[in-house]
Amino acid sequence: MKNVFLVQARYNKATDKTVYDILSGLSNDEREKDRGGYFKSLSQTFRHYIGSAGFFHGALQSAVNGNAAARKALSYEAPKLPDGPLSEAQWKTLAGYLNTVNDAFIQFVEALRPEDFAISITFGPPAWPPVPLYFLLMMIHSHAIHHRGQISEMLDEMKVENNWSGMNPDFLPKA
C-alpha cells in the first residue's frame, strides 16, 4: 500500500510543478482573470488546492502520534497564502511553498509503517465520521486531481497547451 501512495505523492509533486510552470508562462492578468470557475481564476484554483495541504497535513500529523518520523516530516511552517488577486512577485513565492508541501508529503509517506495506514482520523466538520489514514491519503490525491482538472479545462478554453496525465517510471519507489 505504501508504494501506491509514494507513486501518487511523487506524481503530485511533478505534476504540480508542471502546472505551476504552465501558469507561470501566462501573464499575471491571465492567471488572475475570472474564468467562471468555482474559485474564479487559475491562480485562485491553484492556491486552493496547494493551500489545502496545510489542512490535510495537520490532520495527518495529529493522527500519527506514535510515529515520530512521520510527524516530523509534516513539521514545516506553512506560510499564509495571500487571498485575492496576486502580484507577479507574490505568484513567484508559490514555487517555494509548493516544493515545501510536496517534499514534506513525500517524506511523510516514506516514514509510514504498515500499521499506520489503518489509524483512524477525525477531521473536517463534526458530522464527518472518522476515516482510516489510507482513505485521507486517497482523498488528498483525488482533491489535487480534481482541481488540476479544473485548471486544465480553463487552459483548454484559452487554447493553452497542457497535459500532465502521463505516468513516469521515476515516480516508482526505489528498491
N, C-alpha and C. Protein backbone atom coordinates (compact mmCIF):
# COMPACT_ATOMS: atom_id res chain seq x y z
N MET A 1 0.83 -1.19 0.00
CA MET A 1 0.00 0.00 0.00
C MET A 1 0.87 1.26 0.00
N LYS A 2 1.94 1.22 0.76
CA LYS A 2 2.82 2.38 0.86
C LYS A 2 3.35 2.79 -0.51
N ASN A 3 3.72 1.81 -1.32
CA ASN A 3 4.25 2.13 -2.64
C ASN A 3 3.25 2.86 -3.52
N VAL A 4 1.97 2.52 -3.39
CA VAL A 4 0.93 3.20 -4.17
C VAL A 4 0.90 4.68 -3.79
N PHE A 5 0.95 4.96 -2.49
CA PHE A 5 0.90 6.35 -2.04
C PHE A 5 2.18 7.11 -2.36
N LEU A 6 3.31 6.41 -2.39
CA LEU A 6 4.56 7.07 -2.80
C LEU A 6 4.50 7.47 -4.27
N VAL A 7 3.98 6.57 -5.11
CA VAL A 7 3.82 6.91 -6.53
C VAL A 7 2.91 8.14 -6.67
N GLN A 8 1.79 8.14 -5.94
CA GLN A 8 0.87 9.27 -6.02
C GLN A 8 1.53 10.56 -5.53
N ALA A 9 2.27 10.49 -4.44
CA ALA A 9 2.92 11.69 -3.89
C ALA A 9 3.96 12.24 -4.86
N ARG A 10 4.73 11.35 -5.47
CA ARG A 10 5.75 11.80 -6.45
C ARG A 10 5.09 12.34 -7.71
N TYR A 11 4.01 11.69 -8.14
CA TYR A 11 3.26 12.19 -9.28
C TYR A 11 2.72 13.59 -8.99
N ASN A 12 2.14 13.77 -7.81
CA ASN A 12 1.60 15.09 -7.46
C ASN A 12 2.69 16.15 -7.48
N LYS A 13 3.86 15.83 -6.94
CA LYS A 13 4.94 16.83 -6.93
C LYS A 13 5.32 17.22 -8.35
N ALA A 14 5.56 16.23 -9.20
CA ALA A 14 5.97 16.52 -10.58
C ALA A 14 4.86 17.25 -11.34
N THR A 15 3.63 16.82 -11.14
CA THR A 15 2.52 17.42 -11.86
C THR A 15 2.26 18.84 -11.38
N ASP A 16 2.35 19.06 -10.07
CA ASP A 16 2.18 20.42 -9.54
C ASP A 16 3.22 21.36 -10.13
N LYS A 17 4.44 20.87 -10.28
CA LYS A 17 5.49 21.72 -10.89
C LYS A 17 5.14 22.03 -12.34
N THR A 18 4.66 21.03 -13.07
CA THR A 18 4.25 21.24 -14.46
C THR A 18 3.14 22.29 -14.54
N VAL A 19 2.13 22.15 -13.68
CA VAL A 19 1.03 23.11 -13.67
C VAL A 19 1.55 24.51 -13.33
N TYR A 20 2.37 24.59 -12.29
CA TYR A 20 2.92 25.88 -11.89
C TYR A 20 3.72 26.51 -13.04
N ASP A 21 4.53 25.71 -13.72
CA ASP A 21 5.33 26.23 -14.83
C ASP A 21 4.45 26.73 -15.97
N ILE A 22 3.40 25.99 -16.29
CA ILE A 22 2.48 26.43 -17.35
C ILE A 22 1.82 27.75 -16.94
N LEU A 23 1.33 27.80 -15.71
CA LEU A 23 0.67 29.03 -15.25
C LEU A 23 1.66 30.19 -15.15
N SER A 24 2.90 29.91 -14.82
CA SER A 24 3.92 30.96 -14.76
C SER A 24 4.24 31.53 -16.13
N GLY A 25 3.96 30.76 -17.18
CA GLY A 25 4.17 31.24 -18.54
C GLY A 25 3.08 32.19 -19.02
N LEU A 26 2.03 32.32 -18.24
CA LEU A 26 0.94 33.25 -18.57
C LEU A 26 1.22 34.60 -17.92
N SER A 27 0.58 35.61 -18.41
CA SER A 27 0.70 36.91 -17.75
C SER A 27 -0.07 36.85 -16.42
N ASN A 28 0.29 37.74 -15.54
CA ASN A 28 -0.41 37.79 -14.26
C ASN A 28 -1.90 38.07 -14.47
N ASP A 29 -2.21 38.93 -15.43
CA ASP A 29 -3.62 39.22 -15.73
C ASP A 29 -4.36 37.98 -16.19
N GLU A 30 -3.71 37.13 -17.02
CA GLU A 30 -4.35 35.90 -17.47
C GLU A 30 -4.59 34.93 -16.31
N ARG A 31 -3.63 34.84 -15.40
CA ARG A 31 -3.80 33.95 -14.24
C ARG A 31 -4.89 34.42 -13.30
N GLU A 32 -5.05 35.75 -13.18
CA GLU A 32 -5.98 36.31 -12.20
C GLU A 32 -7.38 36.57 -12.76
N LYS A 33 -7.56 36.46 -14.05
CA LYS A 33 -8.85 36.74 -14.67
C LYS A 33 -9.91 35.76 -14.19
N ASP A 34 -11.10 36.28 -13.90
CA ASP A 34 -12.23 35.45 -13.51
C ASP A 34 -12.66 34.64 -14.73
N ARG A 35 -12.54 33.34 -14.63
CA ARG A 35 -12.86 32.45 -15.75
C ARG A 35 -14.14 31.68 -15.50
N GLY A 36 -14.89 32.07 -14.48
CA GLY A 36 -16.19 31.47 -14.23
C GLY A 36 -16.18 30.18 -13.44
N GLY A 37 -15.03 29.75 -13.01
CA GLY A 37 -14.97 28.53 -12.19
C GLY A 37 -15.35 28.82 -10.76
N TYR A 38 -15.47 27.78 -9.97
CA TYR A 38 -15.86 27.94 -8.58
C TYR A 38 -14.89 28.86 -7.84
N PHE A 39 -13.60 28.69 -8.09
CA PHE A 39 -12.60 29.54 -7.45
C PHE A 39 -12.18 30.70 -8.34
N LYS A 40 -12.96 30.94 -9.36
CA LYS A 40 -12.84 32.08 -10.27
C LYS A 40 -11.63 31.97 -11.21
N SER A 41 -10.44 32.22 -10.71
CA SER A 41 -9.27 32.33 -11.59
C SER A 41 -8.40 31.08 -11.53
N LEU A 42 -7.48 31.00 -12.48
CA LEU A 42 -6.47 29.94 -12.46
C LEU A 42 -5.66 30.02 -11.18
N SER A 43 -5.26 31.21 -10.83
CA SER A 43 -4.45 31.43 -9.64
C SER A 43 -5.18 31.00 -8.37
N GLN A 44 -6.42 31.40 -8.23
CA GLN A 44 -7.16 31.05 -7.02
C GLN A 44 -7.44 29.55 -6.93
N THR A 45 -7.69 28.91 -8.06
CA THR A 45 -7.91 27.46 -8.07
C THR A 45 -6.63 26.74 -7.65
N PHE A 46 -5.51 27.16 -8.22
CA PHE A 46 -4.22 26.57 -7.89
C PHE A 46 -3.91 26.77 -6.40
N ARG A 47 -4.11 27.98 -5.91
CA ARG A 47 -3.83 28.27 -4.50
C ARG A 47 -4.75 27.48 -3.57
N HIS A 48 -5.98 27.26 -3.98
CA HIS A 48 -6.89 26.48 -3.14
C HIS A 48 -6.33 25.08 -2.93
N TYR A 49 -5.97 24.43 -4.01
CA TYR A 49 -5.60 23.03 -3.81
C TYR A 49 -4.21 22.87 -3.22
N ILE A 50 -3.29 23.77 -3.49
CA ILE A 50 -2.00 23.61 -2.80
C ILE A 50 -2.08 24.13 -1.37
N GLY A 51 -2.92 25.13 -1.15
CA GLY A 51 -3.08 25.67 0.19
C GLY A 51 -3.80 24.73 1.14
N SER A 52 -4.61 23.84 0.59
CA SER A 52 -5.32 22.90 1.45
C SER A 52 -4.37 21.87 2.06
N ALA A 53 -3.14 21.82 1.57
CA ALA A 53 -2.16 20.88 2.14
C ALA A 53 -2.00 21.11 3.64
N GLY A 54 -1.99 22.36 4.07
CA GLY A 54 -1.85 22.65 5.49
C GLY A 54 -2.97 22.02 6.31
N PHE A 55 -4.19 22.09 5.81
CA PHE A 55 -5.34 21.46 6.48
C PHE A 55 -5.15 19.95 6.54
N PHE A 56 -4.89 19.35 5.39
CA PHE A 56 -4.71 17.90 5.33
C PHE A 56 -3.50 17.44 6.14
N HIS A 57 -2.40 18.15 6.01
CA HIS A 57 -1.19 17.75 6.71
C HIS A 57 -1.36 17.84 8.22
N GLY A 58 -2.12 18.84 8.68
CA GLY A 58 -2.39 18.94 10.10
C GLY A 58 -3.15 17.73 10.63
N ALA A 59 -4.15 17.29 9.87
CA ALA A 59 -4.93 16.11 10.26
C ALA A 59 -4.04 14.87 10.27
N LEU A 60 -3.18 14.74 9.27
CA LEU A 60 -2.29 13.58 9.21
C LEU A 60 -1.30 13.59 10.36
N GLN A 61 -0.72 14.74 10.62
CA GLN A 61 0.31 14.84 11.65
C GLN A 61 -0.26 14.49 13.03
N SER A 62 -1.45 14.98 13.31
CA SER A 62 -2.03 14.69 14.62
C SER A 62 -2.44 13.22 14.76
N ALA A 63 -2.63 12.54 13.65
CA ALA A 63 -3.08 11.14 13.70
C ALA A 63 -1.94 10.16 13.97
N VAL A 64 -0.72 10.53 13.62
CA VAL A 64 0.40 9.58 13.72
C VAL A 64 1.28 9.89 14.94
N ASN A 65 0.64 10.08 16.09
CA ASN A 65 1.36 10.41 17.32
C ASN A 65 2.48 9.44 17.64
N GLY A 66 2.31 8.17 17.32
CA GLY A 66 3.31 7.16 17.65
C GLY A 66 4.42 7.00 16.62
N ASN A 67 4.44 7.85 15.60
CA ASN A 67 5.44 7.74 14.54
C ASN A 67 6.16 9.08 14.44
N ALA A 68 7.27 9.21 15.15
CA ALA A 68 7.99 10.48 15.23
C ALA A 68 8.50 10.95 13.86
N ALA A 69 8.96 10.03 13.04
CA ALA A 69 9.49 10.42 11.73
C ALA A 69 8.38 10.98 10.83
N ALA A 70 7.21 10.36 10.88
CA ALA A 70 6.10 10.85 10.07
C ALA A 70 5.63 12.21 10.56
N ARG A 71 5.54 12.37 11.88
CA ARG A 71 5.15 13.67 12.45
C ARG A 71 6.16 14.75 12.07
N LYS A 72 7.43 14.42 12.16
CA LYS A 72 8.48 15.40 11.84
C LYS A 72 8.41 15.83 10.38
N ALA A 73 8.07 14.92 9.49
CA ALA A 73 8.01 15.24 8.06
C ALA A 73 7.03 16.37 7.78
N LEU A 74 5.98 16.47 8.59
CA LEU A 74 4.96 17.49 8.38
C LEU A 74 5.12 18.67 9.34
N SER A 75 6.29 18.82 9.91
CA SER A 75 6.54 19.90 10.89
C SER A 75 7.09 21.17 10.25
N TYR A 76 6.78 21.41 9.02
CA TYR A 76 7.23 22.63 8.35
C TYR A 76 6.32 23.78 8.75
N GLU A 77 6.82 24.98 8.60
CA GLU A 77 5.99 26.14 8.86
C GLU A 77 5.36 26.59 7.54
N ALA A 78 4.07 26.43 7.47
CA ALA A 78 3.35 26.77 6.24
C ALA A 78 3.10 28.28 6.19
N PRO A 79 3.57 28.92 5.13
CA PRO A 79 3.27 30.35 5.02
C PRO A 79 1.80 30.55 4.69
N LYS A 80 1.27 31.68 5.06
CA LYS A 80 -0.11 32.01 4.72
C LYS A 80 -0.13 32.42 3.26
N LEU A 81 -0.98 31.78 2.50
CA LEU A 81 -1.12 32.15 1.10
C LEU A 81 -2.01 33.38 1.01
N PRO A 82 -1.63 34.33 0.19
CA PRO A 82 -2.43 35.55 0.08
C PRO A 82 -3.82 35.27 -0.49
N ASP A 83 -4.79 36.04 -0.04
CA ASP A 83 -6.14 35.97 -0.58
C ASP A 83 -6.25 36.98 -1.72
N GLY A 84 -7.22 36.76 -2.58
CA GLY A 84 -7.46 37.71 -3.65
C GLY A 84 -6.41 37.66 -4.74
N PRO A 85 -6.48 38.59 -5.66
CA PRO A 85 -5.52 38.62 -6.77
C PRO A 85 -4.08 38.78 -6.28
N LEU A 86 -3.17 38.11 -6.96
CA LEU A 86 -1.76 38.17 -6.60
C LEU A 86 -1.00 39.09 -7.54
N SER A 87 0.06 39.66 -7.03
CA SER A 87 1.01 40.35 -7.89
C SER A 87 1.93 39.29 -8.50
N GLU A 88 2.70 39.68 -9.46
CA GLU A 88 3.66 38.75 -10.07
C GLU A 88 4.66 38.26 -9.02
N ALA A 89 5.11 39.15 -8.15
CA ALA A 89 6.06 38.77 -7.10
C ALA A 89 5.43 37.76 -6.14
N GLN A 90 4.18 37.97 -5.78
CA GLN A 90 3.51 37.02 -4.89
C GLN A 90 3.36 35.66 -5.56
N TRP A 91 3.04 35.67 -6.86
CA TRP A 91 2.91 34.42 -7.58
C TRP A 91 4.21 33.63 -7.50
N LYS A 92 5.32 34.30 -7.70
CA LYS A 92 6.63 33.61 -7.71
C LYS A 92 6.94 32.96 -6.37
N THR A 93 6.41 33.48 -5.28
CA THR A 93 6.67 32.88 -3.97
C THR A 93 5.98 31.53 -3.81
N LEU A 94 4.98 31.25 -4.64
CA LEU A 94 4.26 29.98 -4.52
C LEU A 94 5.14 28.78 -4.86
N ALA A 95 6.17 28.97 -5.68
CA ALA A 95 7.03 27.85 -6.06
C ALA A 95 7.69 27.24 -4.82
N GLY A 96 8.17 28.08 -3.92
CA GLY A 96 8.80 27.58 -2.71
C GLY A 96 7.82 26.83 -1.82
N TYR A 97 6.62 27.39 -1.69
CA TYR A 97 5.58 26.73 -0.89
C TYR A 97 5.24 25.37 -1.49
N LEU A 98 5.11 25.34 -2.79
CA LEU A 98 4.77 24.10 -3.48
C LEU A 98 5.81 23.02 -3.21
N ASN A 99 7.09 23.38 -3.32
CA ASN A 99 8.15 22.41 -3.03
C ASN A 99 8.10 21.94 -1.59
N THR A 100 7.88 22.87 -0.67
CA THR A 100 7.84 22.52 0.75
C THR A 100 6.75 21.51 1.05
N VAL A 101 5.52 21.79 0.61
CA VAL A 101 4.42 20.89 0.95
C VAL A 101 4.54 19.54 0.24
N ASN A 102 4.99 19.55 -1.00
CA ASN A 102 5.12 18.27 -1.70
C ASN A 102 6.26 17.43 -1.15
N ASP A 103 7.39 18.04 -0.84
CA ASP A 103 8.51 17.29 -0.25
C ASP A 103 8.13 16.75 1.12
N ALA A 104 7.44 17.55 1.91
CA ALA A 104 7.00 17.10 3.24
C ALA A 104 6.06 15.91 3.12
N PHE A 105 5.17 15.96 2.15
CA PHE A 105 4.21 14.87 1.99
C PHE A 105 4.92 13.58 1.56
N ILE A 106 5.86 13.69 0.66
CA ILE A 106 6.63 12.50 0.23
C ILE A 106 7.37 11.91 1.43
N GLN A 107 8.02 12.77 2.22
CA GLN A 107 8.75 12.29 3.40
C GLN A 107 7.79 11.64 4.40
N PHE A 108 6.61 12.22 4.54
CA PHE A 108 5.60 11.65 5.43
C PHE A 108 5.25 10.23 4.99
N VAL A 109 4.93 10.06 3.71
CA VAL A 109 4.54 8.73 3.22
C VAL A 109 5.71 7.76 3.37
N GLU A 110 6.92 8.21 3.08
CA GLU A 110 8.09 7.34 3.24
C GLU A 110 8.24 6.86 4.68
N ALA A 111 7.86 7.69 5.65
CA ALA A 111 8.01 7.35 7.06
C ALA A 111 6.89 6.47 7.61
N LEU A 112 5.82 6.29 6.86
CA LEU A 112 4.71 5.50 7.36
C LEU A 112 5.07 4.03 7.50
N ARG A 113 4.56 3.42 8.56
CA ARG A 113 4.71 1.99 8.80
C ARG A 113 3.42 1.31 8.37
N PRO A 114 3.45 0.02 8.08
CA PRO A 114 2.24 -0.67 7.62
C PRO A 114 1.03 -0.45 8.54
N GLU A 115 1.24 -0.46 9.85
CA GLU A 115 0.11 -0.30 10.77
C GLU A 115 -0.46 1.11 10.78
N ASP A 116 0.32 2.08 10.32
CA ASP A 116 -0.16 3.46 10.31
C ASP A 116 -1.33 3.67 9.35
N PHE A 117 -1.39 2.90 8.29
CA PHE A 117 -2.44 3.12 7.28
C PHE A 117 -3.85 2.90 7.82
N ALA A 118 -3.96 2.12 8.89
CA ALA A 118 -5.29 1.84 9.46
C ALA A 118 -5.67 2.79 10.59
N ILE A 119 -4.78 3.71 10.97
CA ILE A 119 -5.09 4.65 12.05
C ILE A 119 -6.35 5.42 11.70
N SER A 120 -7.23 5.59 12.68
CA SER A 120 -8.47 6.32 12.48
C SER A 120 -8.23 7.82 12.66
N ILE A 121 -8.73 8.60 11.70
CA ILE A 121 -8.53 10.05 11.71
C ILE A 121 -9.89 10.73 11.71
N THR A 122 -10.02 11.71 12.59
CA THR A 122 -11.20 12.57 12.58
C THR A 122 -10.75 13.95 12.13
N PHE A 123 -11.35 14.47 11.10
CA PHE A 123 -11.02 15.80 10.59
C PHE A 123 -12.25 16.37 9.93
N GLY A 124 -12.21 17.65 9.67
CA GLY A 124 -13.32 18.30 9.00
C GLY A 124 -14.45 18.63 9.96
N PRO A 125 -15.63 18.89 9.42
CA PRO A 125 -16.80 19.23 10.26
C PRO A 125 -17.12 18.10 11.23
N PRO A 126 -17.72 18.43 12.36
CA PRO A 126 -18.05 17.40 13.36
C PRO A 126 -18.91 16.26 12.82
N ALA A 127 -19.70 16.53 11.80
CA ALA A 127 -20.58 15.49 11.25
C ALA A 127 -19.81 14.44 10.44
N TRP A 128 -18.57 14.73 10.06
CA TRP A 128 -17.81 13.75 9.28
C TRP A 128 -17.37 12.61 10.18
N PRO A 129 -17.55 11.38 9.73
CA PRO A 129 -17.14 10.24 10.57
C PRO A 129 -15.62 10.05 10.50
N PRO A 130 -15.05 9.37 11.48
CA PRO A 130 -13.62 9.04 11.41
C PRO A 130 -13.36 8.15 10.19
N VAL A 131 -12.18 8.31 9.61
CA VAL A 131 -11.79 7.51 8.45
C VAL A 131 -10.38 6.96 8.68
N PRO A 132 -10.02 5.86 8.01
CA PRO A 132 -8.65 5.36 8.14
C PRO A 132 -7.69 6.30 7.40
N LEU A 133 -6.46 6.34 7.86
CA LEU A 133 -5.45 7.21 7.26
C LEU A 133 -5.35 6.98 5.75
N TYR A 134 -5.41 5.73 5.31
CA TYR A 134 -5.28 5.48 3.87
C TYR A 134 -6.38 6.18 3.08
N PHE A 135 -7.57 6.31 3.66
CA PHE A 135 -8.66 6.99 2.97
C PHE A 135 -8.33 8.47 2.79
N LEU A 136 -7.79 9.10 3.82
CA LEU A 136 -7.42 10.51 3.70
C LEU A 136 -6.29 10.69 2.68
N LEU A 137 -5.35 9.77 2.63
CA LEU A 137 -4.29 9.85 1.61
C LEU A 137 -4.89 9.79 0.20
N MET A 138 -5.87 8.92 0.01
CA MET A 138 -6.54 8.84 -1.29
C MET A 138 -7.28 10.14 -1.60
N MET A 139 -7.92 10.72 -0.59
CA MET A 139 -8.68 11.95 -0.81
C MET A 139 -7.75 13.13 -1.15
N ILE A 140 -6.59 13.18 -0.53
CA ILE A 140 -5.62 14.24 -0.84
C ILE A 140 -5.24 14.16 -2.32
N HIS A 141 -4.97 12.97 -2.79
CA HIS A 141 -4.60 12.78 -4.19
C HIS A 141 -5.78 13.14 -5.11
N SER A 142 -6.97 12.68 -4.76
CA SER A 142 -8.16 12.98 -5.56
C SER A 142 -8.46 14.47 -5.59
N HIS A 143 -8.27 15.13 -4.47
CA HIS A 143 -8.51 16.57 -4.39
C HIS A 143 -7.62 17.32 -5.38
N ALA A 144 -6.35 16.97 -5.41
CA ALA A 144 -5.42 17.62 -6.34
C ALA A 144 -5.81 17.34 -7.79
N ILE A 145 -6.15 16.09 -8.09
CA ILE A 145 -6.55 15.73 -9.46
C ILE A 145 -7.78 16.53 -9.88
N HIS A 146 -8.75 16.62 -8.99
CA HIS A 146 -9.98 17.35 -9.28
C HIS A 146 -9.67 18.80 -9.67
N HIS A 147 -8.87 19.48 -8.87
CA HIS A 147 -8.61 20.89 -9.14
C HIS A 147 -7.66 21.09 -10.31
N ARG A 148 -6.74 20.16 -10.52
CA ARG A 148 -5.91 20.26 -11.73
C ARG A 148 -6.78 20.07 -12.97
N GLY A 149 -7.82 19.26 -12.86
CA GLY A 149 -8.77 19.12 -13.97
C GLY A 149 -9.48 20.43 -14.27
N GLN A 150 -9.86 21.16 -13.22
CA GLN A 150 -10.49 22.47 -13.43
C GLN A 150 -9.51 23.41 -14.14
N ILE A 151 -8.27 23.39 -13.70
CA ILE A 151 -7.25 24.25 -14.33
C ILE A 151 -7.05 23.85 -15.78
N SER A 152 -7.00 22.55 -16.03
CA SER A 152 -6.83 22.07 -17.40
C SER A 152 -7.97 22.55 -18.30
N GLU A 153 -9.19 22.50 -17.81
CA GLU A 153 -10.34 22.96 -18.59
C GLU A 153 -10.22 24.45 -18.91
N MET A 154 -9.83 25.25 -17.91
CA MET A 154 -9.66 26.69 -18.17
C MET A 154 -8.56 26.93 -19.21
N LEU A 155 -7.47 26.17 -19.09
CA LEU A 155 -6.38 26.32 -20.07
C LEU A 155 -6.82 25.87 -21.45
N ASP A 156 -7.61 24.79 -21.53
CA ASP A 156 -8.13 24.33 -22.82
C ASP A 156 -8.97 25.43 -23.48
N GLU A 157 -9.81 26.08 -22.69
CA GLU A 157 -10.63 27.16 -23.23
C GLU A 157 -9.79 28.33 -23.72
N MET A 158 -8.61 28.50 -23.12
CA MET A 158 -7.69 29.57 -23.53
C MET A 158 -6.80 29.12 -24.69
N LYS A 159 -6.91 27.86 -25.09
CA LYS A 159 -6.07 27.26 -26.13
C LYS A 159 -4.60 27.21 -25.70
N VAL A 160 -4.38 26.97 -24.40
CA VAL A 160 -3.03 26.83 -23.85
C VAL A 160 -2.73 25.34 -23.71
N GLU A 161 -1.67 24.90 -24.34
CA GLU A 161 -1.25 23.50 -24.29
C GLU A 161 -1.03 23.08 -22.85
N ASN A 162 -1.62 21.95 -22.48
CA ASN A 162 -1.42 21.39 -21.14
C ASN A 162 -1.69 19.91 -21.18
N ASN A 163 -0.81 19.15 -20.58
CA ASN A 163 -1.01 17.71 -20.45
C ASN A 163 -0.08 17.22 -19.35
N TRP A 164 -0.67 16.78 -18.29
CA TRP A 164 0.12 16.24 -17.18
C TRP A 164 -0.40 14.88 -16.76
N SER A 165 -0.98 14.16 -17.71
CA SER A 165 -1.60 12.89 -17.37
C SER A 165 -0.66 11.69 -17.46
N GLY A 166 0.51 11.85 -18.06
CA GLY A 166 1.40 10.72 -18.27
C GLY A 166 2.09 10.26 -17.00
N MET A 167 2.25 8.96 -16.88
CA MET A 167 2.99 8.39 -15.75
C MET A 167 4.46 8.27 -16.17
N ASN A 168 5.30 8.31 -15.20
CA ASN A 168 6.74 8.28 -15.41
C ASN A 168 7.32 7.25 -14.45
N PRO A 169 8.16 6.33 -14.94
CA PRO A 169 8.73 5.32 -14.03
C PRO A 169 9.54 5.94 -12.89
N ASP A 170 9.96 7.18 -13.05
CA ASP A 170 10.71 7.84 -11.96
C ASP A 170 9.86 8.02 -10.71
N PHE A 171 8.54 7.91 -10.83
CA PHE A 171 7.67 8.05 -9.67
C PHE A 171 7.70 6.79 -8.80
N LEU A 172 8.17 5.66 -9.37
CA LEU A 172 8.15 4.41 -8.62
C LEU A 172 9.16 4.45 -7.48
N PRO A 173 8.80 3.84 -6.35
CA PRO A 173 9.74 3.80 -5.22
C PRO A 173 11.04 3.08 -5.61
N LYS A 174 12.11 3.56 -5.07
CA LYS A 174 13.42 2.95 -5.34
C LYS A 174 13.57 1.70 -4.47
N ALA A 175 14.10 0.66 -5.07
CA ALA A 175 14.26 -0.60 -4.32
C ALA A 175 15.35 -0.48 -3.27
